[in-house]
Amino acid sequence: MPQVHIQTETDVPQGWRYVVEIAHDDGSRTAHRLRLAWVDHNHWAGERPIPPSRVVQALVEALVEALVAVGRPLPDRFDASTARRWVPDLDDQIAERL
């Protein structure tokens, strides 16, 4: 399974912006930029005091696993809310990881 590493976290209006690096099984590495809105963090974390970076970690791990299975790469840039449309059971997968 590819390893996900959060490189940076930046506060932005209404959320956070992240740069994550994925170390793939073949030895290659890819960098991705994503945005997590407060509302998406709250959707996935609920009332639990889970840091936004942990939600991002779970999100990217679930996405990589699901997209690799169907032969699709993770986009270079994306918004967390958009990712929910790519994988039908993404909410459940993130809940399992949190």
Protein backbone atom coordinates (compact mmCIF):
# COMPACT_ATOMS: atom_id res chain seq x y z
CA MET A 1 0.00 0.00 0.00
CA PRO A 2 1.40 3.45 -0.87
CA GLN A 3 2.49 5.60 2.07
CA VAL A 4 0.91 9.04 2.51
CA HIS A 5 2.96 11.83 4.10
CA ILE A 6 1.56 15.28 4.90
CA GLN A 7 4.20 17.83 3.95
CA THR A 8 2.48 21.12 4.82
CA GLU A 9 -0.71 22.43 6.40
CA THR A 10 -1.78 26.04 5.83
CA ASP A 11 -4.79 27.82 7.30
CA VAL A 12 -6.93 29.37 4.56
CA PRO A 13 -10.32 31.07 4.69
CA GLN A 14 -12.92 28.48 5.72
CA GLY A 15 -10.46 25.58 6.00
CA TRP A 16 -6.97 24.32 5.35
CA ARG A 17 -4.70 23.68 2.38
CA TYR A 18 -2.35 20.69 2.34
CA VAL A 19 0.54 19.38 0.33
CA VAL A 20 0.82 15.61 0.61
CA GLU A 21 3.40 13.27 -0.83
CA ILE A 22 2.62 9.69 -1.75
CA ALA A 23 5.40 7.11 -1.80
CA HIS A 24 4.15 4.48 -4.23
CA ASP A 25 4.96 0.78 -4.11
CA ASP A 26 7.11 1.07 -7.26
CA GLY A 27 9.42 3.57 -5.53
CA SER A 28 8.02 6.66 -7.25
CA ARG A 29 6.69 9.67 -5.37
CA THR A 30 3.93 12.09 -6.27
CA ALA A 31 2.90 15.38 -4.69
CA HIS A 32 -0.69 16.55 -4.41
CA ARG A 33 -2.35 19.74 -3.21
CA LEU A 34 -5.75 19.59 -1.60
CA ARG A 35 -8.15 21.77 0.30
CA LEU A 36 -10.21 20.66 3.28
CA ALA A 37 -13.09 22.94 4.23
CA TRP A 38 -14.28 23.22 7.83
CA VAL A 39 -17.63 21.77 6.81
CA ASP A 40 -15.97 18.66 5.32
CA HIS A 41 -13.79 18.22 8.40
CA ASN A 42 -16.88 18.43 10.59
CA HIS A 43 -18.75 16.01 8.34
CA TRP A 44 -16.07 13.33 8.68
CA ALA A 45 -14.91 14.03 12.25
CA GLY A 46 -18.34 14.73 13.69
CA GLU A 47 -18.17 15.79 17.32
CA ARG A 48 -14.88 13.96 17.86
CA PRO A 49 -11.77 16.11 18.43
CA ILE A 50 -9.91 14.78 15.38
CA PRO A 51 -7.27 17.11 13.92
CA PRO A 52 -7.81 18.20 10.32
CA SER A 53 -4.49 16.62 9.34
CA ARG A 54 -5.73 13.21 10.54
CA VAL A 55 -8.87 13.59 8.41
CA VAL A 56 -6.69 14.44 5.40
CA GLN A 57 -4.48 11.42 6.07
CA ALA A 58 -7.53 9.12 6.18
CA LEU A 59 -9.02 10.77 3.09
CA VAL A 60 -5.91 10.44 0.94
CA GLU A 61 -5.25 6.86 2.08
CA ALA A 62 -8.82 5.87 1.19
CA LEU A 63 -8.64 7.67 -2.15
CA VAL A 64 -5.32 6.12 -3.13
CA GLU A 65 -6.58 2.65 -2.26
CA ALA A 66 -9.85 3.10 -4.18
CA LEU A 67 -8.36 4.81 -7.23
CA VAL A 68 -5.40 2.43 -7.56
CA ALA A 69 -7.90 -0.45 -7.61
CA VAL A 70 -9.54 1.00 -10.73
CA GLY A 71 -6.32 2.25 -12.35
CA ARG A 72 -6.94 5.97 -11.83
CA PRO A 73 -4.30 8.36 -10.51
CA LEU A 74 -5.00 10.87 -7.78
CA PRO A 75 -5.24 14.36 -9.32
CA ASP A 76 -2.43 16.83 -8.65
CA ARG A 77 -4.92 19.29 -7.11
CA PHE A 78 -8.35 18.68 -5.66
CA ASP A 79 -10.85 19.69 -3.02
CA ALA A 80 -11.88 17.15 -0.39
CA SER A 81 -15.58 17.65 -1.14
CA THR A 82 -15.01 16.81 -4.81
CA ALA A 83 -13.35 13.53 -3.87
CA ARG A 84 -16.62 12.36 -2.31
CA ARG A 85 -18.05 12.08 -5.84
CA TRP A 86 -15.23 9.82 -7.07
CA VAL A 87 -15.68 7.00 -4.57
CA PRO A 88 -19.26 6.05 -3.66
CA ASP A 89 -18.51 4.74 -0.15
CA LEU A 90 -15.74 7.21 0.69
CA ASP A 91 -17.48 8.43 3.84
CA ASP A 92 -17.58 4.87 5.21
CA GLN A 93 -13.95 4.24 4.31
CA ILE A 94 -12.83 7.42 6.08
CA ALA A 95 -14.94 6.56 9.14
CA GLU A 96 -13.19 3.19 9.39
CA ARG A 97 -9.77 4.89 9.28
CA LEU A 98 -10.63 7.49 11.91
